[in-house]
N, C-alpha and C. Protein backbone atom coordinates (compact mmCIF):
# COMPACT_ATOMS: atom_id res chain seq x y z
N MET A 1 5.27 15.29 -4.40
CA MET A 1 4.72 15.78 -3.15
C MET A 1 3.86 14.69 -2.52
N ALA A 2 4.01 14.49 -1.25
CA ALA A 2 3.31 13.43 -0.55
C ALA A 2 1.85 13.80 -0.32
N SER A 3 1.02 12.76 -0.29
CA SER A 3 -0.40 12.99 -0.03
C SER A 3 -0.61 13.24 1.46
N GLU A 4 -1.77 13.71 1.81
CA GLU A 4 -2.10 13.96 3.21
C GLU A 4 -2.05 12.68 4.03
N ARG A 5 -2.51 11.58 3.43
CA ARG A 5 -2.50 10.29 4.13
C ARG A 5 -1.08 9.83 4.40
N THR A 6 -0.19 10.04 3.44
CA THR A 6 1.20 9.65 3.62
C THR A 6 1.84 10.48 4.72
N ASP A 7 1.58 11.78 4.72
CA ASP A 7 2.10 12.65 5.79
C ASP A 7 1.54 12.23 7.15
N GLU A 8 0.26 11.91 7.18
CA GLU A 8 -0.37 11.46 8.43
C GLU A 8 0.29 10.17 8.92
N LEU A 9 0.55 9.26 8.01
CA LEU A 9 1.21 8.01 8.38
C LEU A 9 2.59 8.28 8.97
N TYR A 10 3.34 9.14 8.31
CA TYR A 10 4.68 9.48 8.80
C TYR A 10 4.62 10.04 10.22
N LYS A 11 3.71 10.96 10.45
CA LYS A 11 3.60 11.60 11.76
C LYS A 11 3.18 10.60 12.84
N ILE A 12 2.28 9.70 12.51
CA ILE A 12 1.84 8.70 13.49
C ILE A 12 2.97 7.73 13.81
N LEU A 13 3.71 7.31 12.78
CA LEU A 13 4.85 6.43 13.03
C LEU A 13 5.87 7.11 13.94
N LEU A 14 6.15 8.38 13.68
CA LEU A 14 7.08 9.13 14.53
C LEU A 14 6.56 9.22 15.97
N SER A 15 5.27 9.49 16.10
CA SER A 15 4.69 9.66 17.44
C SER A 15 4.72 8.36 18.24
N LYS A 16 4.81 7.23 17.56
CA LYS A 16 4.87 5.94 18.24
C LYS A 16 6.30 5.57 18.61
N GLY A 17 7.25 6.44 18.24
CA GLY A 17 8.62 6.24 18.68
C GLY A 17 9.52 5.45 17.74
N TYR A 18 9.08 5.21 16.53
CA TYR A 18 9.92 4.50 15.57
C TYR A 18 11.01 5.43 15.06
N PRO A 19 12.17 4.88 14.65
CA PRO A 19 13.25 5.73 14.14
C PRO A 19 12.81 6.56 12.93
N LYS A 20 13.28 7.79 12.87
CA LYS A 20 12.90 8.73 11.82
C LYS A 20 13.15 8.15 10.42
N GLU A 21 14.29 7.49 10.23
CA GLU A 21 14.63 6.93 8.92
C GLU A 21 13.65 5.83 8.52
N LEU A 22 13.26 5.00 9.49
CA LEU A 22 12.30 3.94 9.23
C LEU A 22 10.94 4.54 8.87
N CYS A 23 10.53 5.56 9.60
CA CYS A 23 9.24 6.22 9.32
C CYS A 23 9.21 6.78 7.90
N ALA A 24 10.30 7.43 7.50
CA ALA A 24 10.38 8.00 6.16
C ALA A 24 10.37 6.90 5.11
N GLU A 25 11.10 5.84 5.36
CA GLU A 25 11.16 4.71 4.41
C GLU A 25 9.78 4.10 4.21
N ILE A 26 9.08 3.87 5.31
CA ILE A 26 7.75 3.27 5.22
C ILE A 26 6.77 4.22 4.55
N ALA A 27 6.69 5.43 5.05
CA ALA A 27 5.66 6.37 4.58
C ALA A 27 5.92 6.89 3.17
N TYR A 28 7.14 7.31 2.89
CA TYR A 28 7.39 8.02 1.64
C TYR A 28 7.94 7.16 0.52
N LYS A 29 8.49 6.00 0.85
CA LYS A 29 9.03 5.15 -0.22
C LYS A 29 8.16 3.94 -0.50
N ASN A 30 7.45 3.42 0.51
CA ASN A 30 6.68 2.20 0.31
C ASN A 30 5.16 2.40 0.39
N MET A 31 4.71 3.16 1.36
CA MET A 31 3.28 3.37 1.56
C MET A 31 2.89 4.75 1.04
N ASN A 32 3.31 5.06 -0.18
CA ASN A 32 3.18 6.43 -0.70
C ASN A 32 1.93 6.66 -1.55
N THR A 33 0.96 5.78 -1.45
CA THR A 33 -0.33 6.02 -2.11
C THR A 33 -1.40 6.10 -1.02
N ASP A 34 -2.52 6.72 -1.36
CA ASP A 34 -3.60 6.82 -0.38
C ASP A 34 -4.07 5.44 0.07
N TYR A 35 -4.14 4.51 -0.89
CA TYR A 35 -4.60 3.15 -0.57
C TYR A 35 -3.69 2.49 0.45
N THR A 36 -2.38 2.47 0.19
CA THR A 36 -1.46 1.78 1.09
C THR A 36 -1.33 2.51 2.42
N ALA A 37 -1.28 3.84 2.38
CA ALA A 37 -1.17 4.61 3.62
C ALA A 37 -2.41 4.41 4.49
N THR A 38 -3.58 4.39 3.89
CA THR A 38 -4.82 4.19 4.63
C THR A 38 -4.86 2.81 5.27
N ARG A 39 -4.42 1.81 4.51
CA ARG A 39 -4.37 0.45 5.06
C ARG A 39 -3.42 0.39 6.26
N MET A 40 -2.25 1.01 6.14
CA MET A 40 -1.29 0.98 7.24
C MET A 40 -1.81 1.77 8.44
N LEU A 41 -2.47 2.90 8.19
CA LEU A 41 -3.07 3.66 9.28
C LEU A 41 -4.11 2.82 10.01
N GLY A 42 -4.91 2.09 9.27
CA GLY A 42 -5.90 1.20 9.89
C GLY A 42 -5.24 0.18 10.80
N TYR A 43 -4.14 -0.37 10.32
CA TYR A 43 -3.39 -1.34 11.14
C TYR A 43 -2.88 -0.68 12.42
N LEU A 44 -2.33 0.51 12.29
CA LEU A 44 -1.78 1.20 13.45
C LEU A 44 -2.86 1.61 14.45
N TYR A 45 -4.07 1.86 13.98
CA TYR A 45 -5.16 2.19 14.89
C TYR A 45 -5.66 0.94 15.62
N ARG A 46 -5.59 -0.22 14.96
CA ARG A 46 -6.02 -1.47 15.59
C ARG A 46 -4.98 -2.01 16.56
N ILE A 47 -3.72 -1.95 16.15
CA ILE A 47 -2.61 -2.47 16.96
C ILE A 47 -1.83 -1.27 17.49
N SER A 48 -1.90 -1.02 18.78
CA SER A 48 -1.39 0.24 19.32
C SER A 48 0.11 0.43 19.15
N ASN A 49 0.92 -0.53 19.51
CA ASN A 49 2.37 -0.37 19.42
C ASN A 49 3.02 -1.66 18.89
N PRO A 50 2.91 -1.93 17.61
CA PRO A 50 3.51 -3.16 17.09
C PRO A 50 5.04 -3.09 17.11
N ARG A 51 5.64 -4.27 17.24
CA ARG A 51 7.10 -4.34 17.13
C ARG A 51 7.49 -3.94 15.71
N ILE A 52 8.72 -3.52 15.54
CA ILE A 52 9.19 -3.11 14.21
C ILE A 52 9.02 -4.26 13.22
N GLU A 53 9.31 -5.48 13.66
CA GLU A 53 9.18 -6.65 12.78
C GLU A 53 7.75 -6.82 12.30
N ASP A 54 6.79 -6.63 13.21
CA ASP A 54 5.38 -6.77 12.85
C ASP A 54 4.94 -5.63 11.92
N LEU A 55 5.45 -4.45 12.15
CA LEU A 55 5.15 -3.30 11.31
C LEU A 55 5.64 -3.55 9.87
N ILE A 56 6.86 -4.04 9.75
CA ILE A 56 7.43 -4.34 8.43
C ILE A 56 6.65 -5.47 7.77
N ASP A 57 6.28 -6.48 8.54
CA ASP A 57 5.50 -7.60 8.01
C ASP A 57 4.17 -7.11 7.46
N GLU A 58 3.50 -6.23 8.19
CA GLU A 58 2.23 -5.68 7.72
C GLU A 58 2.42 -4.85 6.45
N MET A 59 3.49 -4.06 6.41
CA MET A 59 3.79 -3.27 5.22
C MET A 59 3.95 -4.18 4.00
N LEU A 60 4.69 -5.26 4.17
CA LEU A 60 4.91 -6.20 3.06
C LEU A 60 3.60 -6.87 2.63
N ALA A 61 2.75 -7.18 3.59
CA ALA A 61 1.45 -7.78 3.27
C ALA A 61 0.58 -6.81 2.49
N ILE A 62 0.57 -5.55 2.89
CA ILE A 62 -0.21 -4.53 2.18
C ILE A 62 0.31 -4.36 0.76
N LEU A 63 1.63 -4.30 0.61
CA LEU A 63 2.21 -4.15 -0.72
C LEU A 63 1.92 -5.37 -1.59
N SER A 64 1.93 -6.54 -1.00
CA SER A 64 1.60 -7.76 -1.73
C SER A 64 0.15 -7.73 -2.22
N ASP A 65 -0.76 -7.30 -1.34
CA ASP A 65 -2.17 -7.16 -1.73
C ASP A 65 -2.33 -6.17 -2.87
N ARG A 66 -1.63 -5.04 -2.77
CA ARG A 66 -1.71 -4.02 -3.82
C ARG A 66 -1.21 -4.58 -5.15
N ASN A 67 -0.11 -5.31 -5.12
CA ASN A 67 0.43 -5.90 -6.34
C ASN A 67 -0.52 -6.92 -6.93
N ALA A 68 -1.19 -7.70 -6.08
CA ALA A 68 -2.17 -8.67 -6.57
C ALA A 68 -3.35 -7.97 -7.24
N ILE A 69 -3.79 -6.86 -6.67
CA ILE A 69 -4.90 -6.10 -7.26
C ILE A 69 -4.48 -5.53 -8.62
N ILE A 70 -3.27 -4.99 -8.70
CA ILE A 70 -2.77 -4.45 -9.97
C ILE A 70 -2.70 -5.55 -11.02
N GLN A 71 -2.16 -6.70 -10.63
CA GLN A 71 -2.05 -7.81 -11.57
C GLN A 71 -3.44 -8.28 -12.03
N LYS A 72 -4.39 -8.33 -11.12
CA LYS A 72 -5.75 -8.74 -11.47
C LYS A 72 -6.35 -7.77 -12.49
N LYS A 73 -6.15 -6.48 -12.27
CA LYS A 73 -6.68 -5.48 -13.21
C LYS A 73 -6.04 -5.64 -14.59
N GLU A 74 -4.73 -5.92 -14.63
CA GLU A 74 -4.04 -6.11 -15.91
C GLU A 74 -4.59 -7.33 -16.64
N VAL A 75 -4.83 -8.41 -15.91
CA VAL A 75 -5.38 -9.63 -16.51
C VAL A 75 -6.80 -9.37 -17.02
N GLU A 76 -7.60 -8.64 -16.25
CA GLU A 76 -8.96 -8.32 -16.68
C GLU A 76 -8.94 -7.48 -17.96
N GLN A 77 -8.03 -6.53 -18.04
CA GLN A 77 -7.91 -5.69 -19.24
C GLN A 77 -7.52 -6.54 -20.44
N ALA A 78 -6.54 -7.42 -20.26
CA ALA A 78 -6.11 -8.29 -21.35
C ALA A 78 -7.25 -9.20 -21.79
N GLN A 79 -8.00 -9.74 -20.84
CA GLN A 79 -9.13 -10.60 -21.19
C GLN A 79 -10.20 -9.82 -21.94
N SER A 80 -10.41 -8.58 -21.57
CA SER A 80 -11.38 -7.73 -22.26
C SER A 80 -10.98 -7.54 -23.72
N VAL A 81 -9.70 -7.32 -23.97
CA VAL A 81 -9.22 -7.15 -25.35
C VAL A 81 -9.41 -8.44 -26.13
N ILE A 82 -9.08 -9.57 -25.52
CA ILE A 82 -9.25 -10.86 -26.19
C ILE A 82 -10.72 -11.10 -26.52
N ASN A 83 -11.61 -10.81 -25.57
CA ASN A 83 -13.05 -10.98 -25.81
C ASN A 83 -13.52 -10.10 -26.96
N ASP A 84 -13.01 -8.89 -27.02
CA ASP A 84 -13.38 -7.98 -28.11
C ASP A 84 -12.92 -8.53 -29.46
N VAL A 85 -11.73 -9.09 -29.50
CA VAL A 85 -11.22 -9.68 -30.75
C VAL A 85 -12.08 -10.86 -31.15
N TYR A 86 -12.47 -11.69 -30.18
CA TYR A 86 -13.33 -12.84 -30.50
C TYR A 86 -14.69 -12.38 -31.05
N GLN A 87 -15.24 -11.34 -30.47
CA GLN A 87 -16.57 -10.88 -30.88
C GLN A 87 -16.54 -10.09 -32.18
N ASN A 88 -15.54 -9.24 -32.36
CA ASN A 88 -15.52 -8.31 -33.48
C ASN A 88 -14.43 -8.61 -34.52
N GLY A 89 -13.57 -9.53 -34.23
CA GLY A 89 -12.48 -9.81 -35.15
C GLY A 89 -11.40 -8.75 -35.03
N LEU A 90 -10.36 -8.95 -35.80
CA LEU A 90 -9.27 -7.98 -35.77
C LEU A 90 -9.68 -6.77 -36.55
């Protein structure tokens, strides 16, 4: 089930005249977390009617940022385990 933010994103994309299939693809398949949907909503509030190319570019940038954050958290967790082994041994 989609979050409220994802539904809001879908409705705003539709209201701006983008094709229904594109709106569903963006909102429900790619921007399906509160974080990504909120970021895209912020973009849409700042830029009133972006071209489809710009919209897709922003979506890819948001997803790239999200992936970088996830990777950073994974590295931090791994480093924490290594530090624990150094301090306490196996």
